[in-house]
Every structure is written in C-alpha cells, then in structure tokens.
Amino acid sequence: MNVSTTTGDMGIHDEAAEDQVMDSVAKAVRDAAQSATQHAVAVKDAVTETGLIRSVSRIGYSSAYAVAFGIVYVAVFVTQFLPQDNPVMDGFSDGARAAIDAVEGA
C-alpha cells in the first residue's frame, strides 16, 4: 500500500484554495439570504399597497355569507311550505329542540 503525503508549499496552497472556496460559498449564501429577504419585503409591500389582502378577505366573507344565507333561506322557505302536522316536520322540530338542549347543556 502506497501512501503519499504532501508537505511544503503545496499543502499551504491547497488550504488557501479551500479557504477561498469556503469564503466564496459563504458569501454566496449570505447574498442569497439577503436577496430572498429583500424580495419578501418587496412582495409584502406590493400586496399591502394594492389592498389585495383586503379584497381577498372581502370576497371570502361575502362568499361565506351568501352560502350560509342561501342554505338557511332555502331551509326556512321549504319548511314553511311543508305541512306542519306530519312525521317529517315532527322529526325536524324534535331534532332542533335536542340540538338546542345539547348546546345549552354543554
């Protein structure tokens, strides 16, 4: 088995080259982190300035309100036109009372 070792000036040059490589990698990582931070701040500022968050919030709220109103309105409308004295309506009434009792008991 042959083992070779480097001594003298050659080993010093290899260490210096490795140090330069490590320094350049460290600088590249630092620059990338700074660029990412600056980009994130720019995007945040752009979104805040355009009111995009507020618009998305309003659209979400309006959509949820419309869906909830539509479901409740249809349920009330249907129950008003169904005959009140039958097993289905009795079941709805008993279920509503049980739900109210469960919420009040909790």
Protein backbone atom coordinates (compact mmCIF):
# COMPACT_ATOMS: atom_id res chain seq x y z
CA MET A 1 0.00 0.00 0.00
CA ASN A 2 1.45 3.30 -1.07
CA VAL A 3 0.72 6.41 0.94
CA SER A 4 1.69 9.77 -0.37
CA THR A 5 1.80 12.89 1.72
CA THR A 6 2.16 16.43 0.59
CA THR A 7 4.45 18.65 2.52
CA GLY A 8 5.86 22.05 1.99
CA ASP A 9 4.34 24.80 -0.15
CA MET A 10 1.88 22.52 -1.97
CA GLY A 11 -0.14 21.82 1.22
CA ILE A 12 -0.33 25.52 2.06
CA HIS A 13 -1.71 26.32 -1.41
CA ASP A 14 -4.38 23.62 -1.07
CA GLU A 15 -5.51 25.04 2.28
CA ALA A 16 -5.60 28.56 0.88
CA ALA A 17 -7.65 27.38 -2.09
CA GLU A 18 -10.07 25.57 0.22
CA ASP A 19 -10.40 28.71 2.35
CA GLN A 20 -11.15 30.79 -0.74
CA VAL A 21 -13.78 28.29 -1.87
CA MET A 22 -15.40 28.28 1.57
CA ASP A 23 -15.35 32.10 1.67
CA SER A 24 -16.98 32.34 -1.75
CA VAL A 25 -19.66 29.79 -0.73
CA ALA A 26 -20.33 31.72 2.47
CA LYS A 27 -20.64 34.99 0.52
CA ALA A 28 -22.99 33.36 -2.00
CA VAL A 29 -25.22 32.02 0.78
CA ARG A 30 -25.25 35.40 2.53
CA ASP A 31 -26.12 37.19 -0.73
CA ALA A 32 -28.89 34.68 -1.47
CA ALA A 33 -30.37 35.18 2.01
CA GLN A 34 -30.28 38.96 1.62
CA SER A 35 -31.90 38.75 -1.81
CA ALA A 36 -34.65 36.46 -0.50
CA THR A 37 -35.33 38.82 2.40
CA GLN A 38 -35.46 41.86 0.12
CA HIS A 39 -37.77 40.05 -2.29
CA ALA A 40 -40.11 39.01 0.54
CA VAL A 41 -40.29 42.59 1.81
CA ALA A 42 -40.99 43.88 -1.71
CA VAL A 43 -43.79 41.35 -2.23
CA LYS A 44 -45.31 42.19 1.17
CA ASP A 45 -45.20 45.91 0.38
CA ALA A 46 -46.79 45.35 -3.04
CA VAL A 47 -49.60 43.24 -1.59
CA THR A 48 -50.24 45.75 1.18
CA GLU A 49 -50.23 48.72 -1.19
CA THR A 50 -52.67 47.17 -3.64
CA GLY A 51 -55.11 46.10 -0.94
CA LEU A 52 -55.05 42.54 -2.22
CA ILE A 53 -55.42 41.07 1.25
CA ARG A 54 -58.45 43.21 1.99
CA SER A 55 -60.02 42.28 -1.34
CA VAL A 56 -59.46 38.57 -0.80
CA SER A 57 -60.88 38.88 2.73
CA ARG A 58 -63.99 40.64 1.46
CA ILE A 59 -64.51 38.07 -1.27
CA GLY A 60 -64.14 35.24 1.26
CA TYR A 61 -66.54 36.89 3.70
CA SER A 62 -69.12 37.67 1.02
CA SER A 63 -68.94 34.15 -0.37
CA ALA A 64 -69.36 32.53 3.05
CA TYR A 65 -72.23 34.90 3.88
CA ALA A 66 -74.01 34.15 0.60
CA VAL A 67 -73.65 30.39 1.02
CA ALA A 68 -74.86 30.47 4.63
CA PHE A 69 -77.75 32.79 3.81
CA GLY A 70 -78.74 30.64 0.84
CA ILE A 71 -78.76 27.46 2.90
CA VAL A 72 -80.74 28.96 5.78
CA TYR A 73 -83.17 30.79 3.48
CA VAL A 74 -83.89 27.65 1.48
CA ALA A 75 -84.36 25.58 4.64
CA VAL A 76 -86.79 28.12 6.15
CA PHE A 77 -88.62 28.54 2.85
CA VAL A 78 -89.06 24.78 2.40
CA THR A 79 -90.20 24.21 5.98
CA GLN A 80 -92.81 26.97 5.71
CA PHE A 81 -94.45 25.33 2.70
CA LEU A 82 -94.42 21.78 4.03
CA PRO A 83 -97.45 20.64 6.01
CA GLN A 84 -96.74 21.22 9.69
CA ASP A 85 -98.55 18.20 11.09
CA ASN A 86 -96.59 15.21 9.78
CA PRO A 87 -93.78 12.91 10.96
CA VAL A 88 -91.06 14.70 8.96
CA MET A 89 -91.80 18.09 10.49
CA ASP A 90 -92.11 16.50 13.94
CA GLY A 91 -88.64 15.00 13.41
CA PHE A 92 -87.21 18.39 12.41
CA SER A 93 -88.80 20.02 15.43
CA ASP A 94 -87.58 17.33 17.86
CA GLY A 95 -84.08 17.44 16.34
CA ALA A 96 -83.93 21.22 16.68
CA ARG A 97 -85.02 21.01 20.32
CA ALA A 98 -82.43 18.30 21.04
CA ALA A 99 -79.68 20.38 19.41
CA ILE A 100 -80.64 23.45 21.48
CA ASP A 101 -80.69 21.35 24.67
CA ALA A 102 -77.28 19.88 23.83
CA VAL A 103 -75.76 23.32 23.26
CA GLU A 104 -77.27 24.75 26.44
CA GLY A 105 -76.13 21.72 28.45
CA ALA A 106 -72.53 21.97 27.26
